Amino acid sequence: MAGARHPFPREPTYVADPTTGAQAELRRISSAAAHKAYRCPGCNQDIAPRTGHVVVVPLSDPALRRHWHTPCWDHRHRRRPGR
């Protein structure tokens, strides 16, 4: 059914923010919910609208959230920022 929401919301996932090391919430954004372009800090390339990705939201300052391509986030430990 189009537009149906899952009856049970996902539990939040908490991770260490790669920039500050502080605790952050990891949010997965579906392609249907992605309406704007963002710059990925992992590869320094654009995340086009309608592209699924992840958002890292620091708990201490949500305004410092960062949008990442999912593969860049998954491989962040193996590569330098912006590469």
Protein backbone atom coordinates (compact mmCIF):
# COMPACT_ATOMS: atom_id res chain seq x y z
CA MET A 1 0.00 0.00 0.00
CA ALA A 2 1.54 3.31 -1.09
CA GLY A 3 2.23 5.77 1.68
CA ALA A 4 1.69 3.24 4.48
CA ARG A 5 3.86 3.81 7.52
CA HIS A 6 5.35 1.05 9.59
CA PRO A 7 3.08 0.57 12.63
CA PHE A 8 6.05 0.50 15.03
CA PRO A 9 8.59 3.34 14.80
CA ARG A 10 12.25 2.36 14.65
CA GLU A 11 14.31 2.59 17.80
CA PRO A 12 16.88 5.38 17.51
CA THR A 13 20.44 4.36 16.64
CA TYR A 14 23.21 6.17 18.49
CA VAL A 15 26.76 6.51 17.15
CA ALA A 16 29.86 8.57 17.81
CA ASP A 17 29.93 11.71 15.65
CA PRO A 18 33.03 11.32 13.43
CA THR A 19 33.77 15.05 13.67
CA THR A 20 33.55 15.56 17.43
CA GLY A 21 33.39 12.07 18.92
CA ALA A 22 30.26 13.13 20.84
CA GLN A 23 27.16 10.95 20.93
CA ALA A 24 24.84 11.45 17.96
CA GLU A 25 21.66 9.94 16.57
CA LEU A 26 21.86 8.24 13.18
CA ARG A 27 18.75 8.76 11.03
CA ARG A 28 18.11 6.96 7.76
CA ILE A 29 16.40 9.10 5.12
CA SER A 30 14.50 7.32 2.35
CA SER A 31 14.67 8.56 -1.22
CA ALA A 32 10.99 9.52 -1.01
CA ALA A 33 11.71 11.77 1.99
CA ALA A 34 14.87 13.40 0.56
CA HIS A 35 13.79 16.70 -1.03
CA LYS A 36 16.93 18.85 -0.88
CA ALA A 37 20.54 18.61 -2.02
CA TYR A 38 23.24 18.33 0.64
CA ARG A 39 27.05 18.08 0.69
CA CYS A 40 28.44 14.77 2.02
CA PRO A 41 31.39 15.30 4.41
CA GLY A 42 32.71 11.84 3.55
CA CYS A 43 33.38 12.49 -0.15
CA ASN A 44 32.70 16.24 -0.43
CA GLN A 45 30.21 15.55 -3.25
CA ASP A 46 26.55 16.49 -3.54
CA ILE A 47 23.76 14.23 -2.33
CA ALA A 48 21.09 14.81 -4.96
CA PRO A 49 17.43 15.25 -4.05
CA ARG A 50 15.50 11.95 -4.08
CA THR A 51 18.64 10.05 -2.97
CA GLY A 52 18.40 7.94 0.18
CA HIS A 53 21.11 8.78 2.73
CA VAL A 54 21.87 9.01 6.45
CA VAL A 55 21.93 12.00 8.78
CA VAL A 56 24.17 12.21 11.85
CA VAL A 57 22.55 14.49 14.45
CA PRO A 58 24.72 15.42 17.47
CA LEU A 59 22.65 15.18 20.63
CA SER A 60 24.35 18.23 22.14
CA ASP A 61 23.71 20.47 19.11
CA PRO A 62 21.21 19.19 16.49
CA ALA A 63 21.91 22.24 14.29
CA LEU A 64 25.31 20.66 13.49
CA ARG A 65 23.73 17.66 11.77
CA ARG A 66 25.52 16.26 8.70
CA HIS A 67 24.04 14.37 5.74
CA TRP A 68 26.14 11.46 4.40
CA HIS A 69 25.84 9.14 1.42
CA THR A 70 25.10 5.73 2.90
CA PRO A 71 28.26 4.11 1.39
CA CYS A 72 30.41 7.01 2.62
CA TRP A 73 28.99 6.55 6.12
CA ASP A 74 29.52 2.78 5.98
CA HIS A 75 33.17 3.21 4.91
CA ARG A 76 34.06 6.29 7.00
CA HIS A 77 36.65 4.35 9.05
CA ARG A 78 38.61 3.38 5.93
CA ARG A 79 38.89 6.76 4.25
CA ARG A 80 39.88 10.32 4.98
CA PRO A 81 37.19 13.03 5.03
CA GLY A 82 36.53 14.50 1.60
CA ARG A 83 37.89 11.47 -0.27
